[in-house]
Protein backbone atom coordinates (compact mmCIF):
# COMPACT_ATOMS: atom_id res chain seq x y z
CA MET A 1 -2.61 -16.03 51.66
CA SER A 2 0.22 -17.45 49.57
CA ASP A 3 3.74 -16.01 49.65
CA SER A 4 4.49 -17.06 46.05
CA PRO A 5 4.21 -14.28 43.44
CA GLN A 6 1.17 -14.29 41.17
CA TRP A 7 2.52 -13.86 37.61
CA PHE A 8 -0.89 -13.96 35.96
CA ASP A 9 -4.46 -14.62 36.92
CA GLU A 10 -6.86 -17.17 35.48
CA GLU A 11 -8.33 -14.64 33.04
CA ALA A 12 -4.95 -13.92 31.47
CA GLY A 13 -4.63 -17.43 30.04
CA PRO A 14 -1.38 -19.10 29.07
CA VAL A 15 1.60 -16.83 28.70
CA VAL A 16 3.75 -17.77 25.69
CA ARG A 17 5.69 -15.13 23.84
CA PRO A 18 4.91 -15.31 20.11
CA TYR A 19 8.53 -15.70 19.07
CA ALA A 20 8.74 -18.91 21.13
CA LEU A 21 6.28 -20.47 18.68
CA ILE A 22 8.68 -19.88 15.81
CA ARG A 23 11.88 -20.60 17.78
CA GLY A 24 13.03 -16.99 17.72
CA ARG A 25 13.07 -16.71 13.92
CA THR A 26 11.88 -13.51 12.36
CA ARG A 27 12.12 -14.58 8.73
CA SER A 28 11.27 -17.64 6.68
CA SER A 29 10.25 -18.44 3.15
CA GLY A 30 6.88 -16.86 4.03
CA ASP A 31 8.16 -13.30 4.33
CA GLY A 32 6.70 -12.31 0.99
CA PHE A 33 3.14 -13.31 1.88
CA ASP A 34 0.75 -10.45 1.24
CA LEU A 35 -1.91 -9.81 3.89
CA VAL A 36 -4.65 -10.62 1.40
CA ALA A 37 -2.93 -13.72 0.00
CA THR A 38 -5.22 -16.75 0.13
CA VAL A 39 -4.14 -19.80 2.13
CA ARG A 40 -5.59 -23.25 1.49
CA ALA A 41 -4.74 -26.57 3.16
CA VAL A 42 -3.53 -29.14 0.64
CA GLY A 43 -1.80 -31.79 2.76
CA ASP A 44 -2.72 -34.09 5.58
CA SER A 45 -1.84 -33.13 9.12
CA PRO A 46 1.20 -35.09 10.29
CA GLY A 47 1.30 -35.83 14.00
CA GLU A 48 4.34 -33.65 14.73
CA LEU A 49 2.62 -30.33 14.04
CA GLY A 50 2.24 -27.83 16.84
CA PRO A 51 -1.20 -26.69 17.98
CA GLU A 52 -0.99 -23.40 16.06
CA GLN A 53 -0.13 -25.19 12.83
CA GLN A 54 -3.02 -27.60 13.35
CA LEU A 55 -5.32 -24.60 13.86
CA ILE A 56 -4.02 -23.09 10.63
CA LEU A 57 -4.78 -26.31 8.74
CA ARG A 58 -8.29 -26.43 10.19
CA ALA A 59 -8.95 -22.79 9.33
CA ALA A 60 -7.49 -23.22 5.83
CA ARG A 61 -9.78 -26.08 4.84
CA SER A 62 -11.63 -23.36 2.98
CA PRO A 63 -9.61 -20.46 1.54
CA ILE A 64 -8.67 -17.81 4.11
CA SER A 65 -6.46 -14.73 3.93
CA VAL A 66 -3.21 -14.32 5.88
CA ALA A 67 -4.73 -11.39 7.79
CA ASP A 68 -7.79 -13.44 8.74
CA LEU A 69 -5.56 -16.25 10.00
CA ALA A 70 -3.72 -13.78 12.24
CA VAL A 71 -7.03 -12.62 13.68
CA GLU A 72 -8.36 -16.16 14.03
CA LEU A 73 -5.28 -17.37 15.92
CA ASP A 74 -4.75 -14.07 17.77
CA LEU A 75 -1.08 -13.95 16.72
CA PRO A 76 1.04 -11.24 15.09
CA VAL A 77 1.16 -11.36 11.30
CA GLY A 78 4.95 -11.86 11.42
CA VAL A 79 4.51 -15.05 13.41
CA ILE A 80 1.78 -16.27 11.05
CA ARG A 81 4.02 -15.64 8.04
CA VAL A 82 6.87 -17.70 9.53
CA LEU A 83 4.49 -20.55 10.38
CA LEU A 84 2.94 -20.41 6.90
CA GLY A 85 6.36 -20.43 5.25
CA ASP A 86 7.31 -23.57 7.15
CA MET A 87 4.02 -25.23 6.29
CA ARG A 88 4.32 -24.34 2.60
CA ASP A 89 7.86 -25.75 2.55
CA HIS A 90 6.46 -29.05 3.86
CA GLY A 91 3.66 -29.12 1.26
CA LEU A 92 0.83 -28.68 3.76
CA ILE A 93 -0.65 -25.47 2.32
CA SER A 94 -0.81 -23.51 -0.89
CA VAL A 95 -0.68 -19.71 -0.92
CA THR A 96 -2.12 -17.73 -3.80
CA SER A 97 -1.18 -14.10 -4.19
CA PRO A 98 -4.00 -11.79 -5.30
CA SER A 99 -1.82 -10.42 -8.08
CA ALA A 100 -1.22 -13.90 -9.52
CA GLY A 101 -4.73 -14.34 -10.91
CA GLY A 102 -6.05 -10.83 -11.38
CA SER A 103 -3.65 -9.09 -13.76
CA ARG A 104 -5.79 -9.72 -16.86
CA SER A 105 -8.98 -8.34 -15.35
CA ASN A 106 -7.13 -5.29 -14.01
CA GLU A 107 -5.82 -4.62 -17.51
CA ARG A 108 -9.32 -4.87 -18.98
CA ILE A 109 -10.76 -2.52 -16.35
CA LEU A 110 -8.03 0.06 -16.96
CA LYS A 111 -8.68 -0.01 -20.72
CA GLU A 112 -12.39 0.52 -20.12
CA VAL A 113 -11.65 3.47 -17.83
CA ILE A 114 -9.35 5.02 -20.43
CA ASN A 115 -11.97 4.55 -23.16
CA GLY A 116 -14.61 6.08 -20.90
CA LEU A 117 -12.40 9.09 -20.20
CA ARG A 118 -11.73 9.56 -23.90
CA ALA A 119 -15.47 9.49 -24.58
CA LEU A 120 -15.97 12.49 -22.28
């Protein structure tokens, strides 16, 4: 039997605190990302990206929400937002807010609801 302490077993996997991935930062230009905002890869993967950022680029080849990225990478949403902000600043991804494209259709739906209520 070994005298050295066992900090984690083989099932626990690698132990890296999430804030270490983002160098202790809690805010970036990605703080305003909505959970349902759509992320899409637009740039090529430079060699200096970390493994999490490479996973984000792979997952974002087709549009994916911020919340789905957090689930896919098994990381807190705050960490994902910081990573996404950095990646957007470097032109690697585009982020589309759901409110950016849907305001016209929401307006039309509301008018139809009002007209329907008036008809009652």
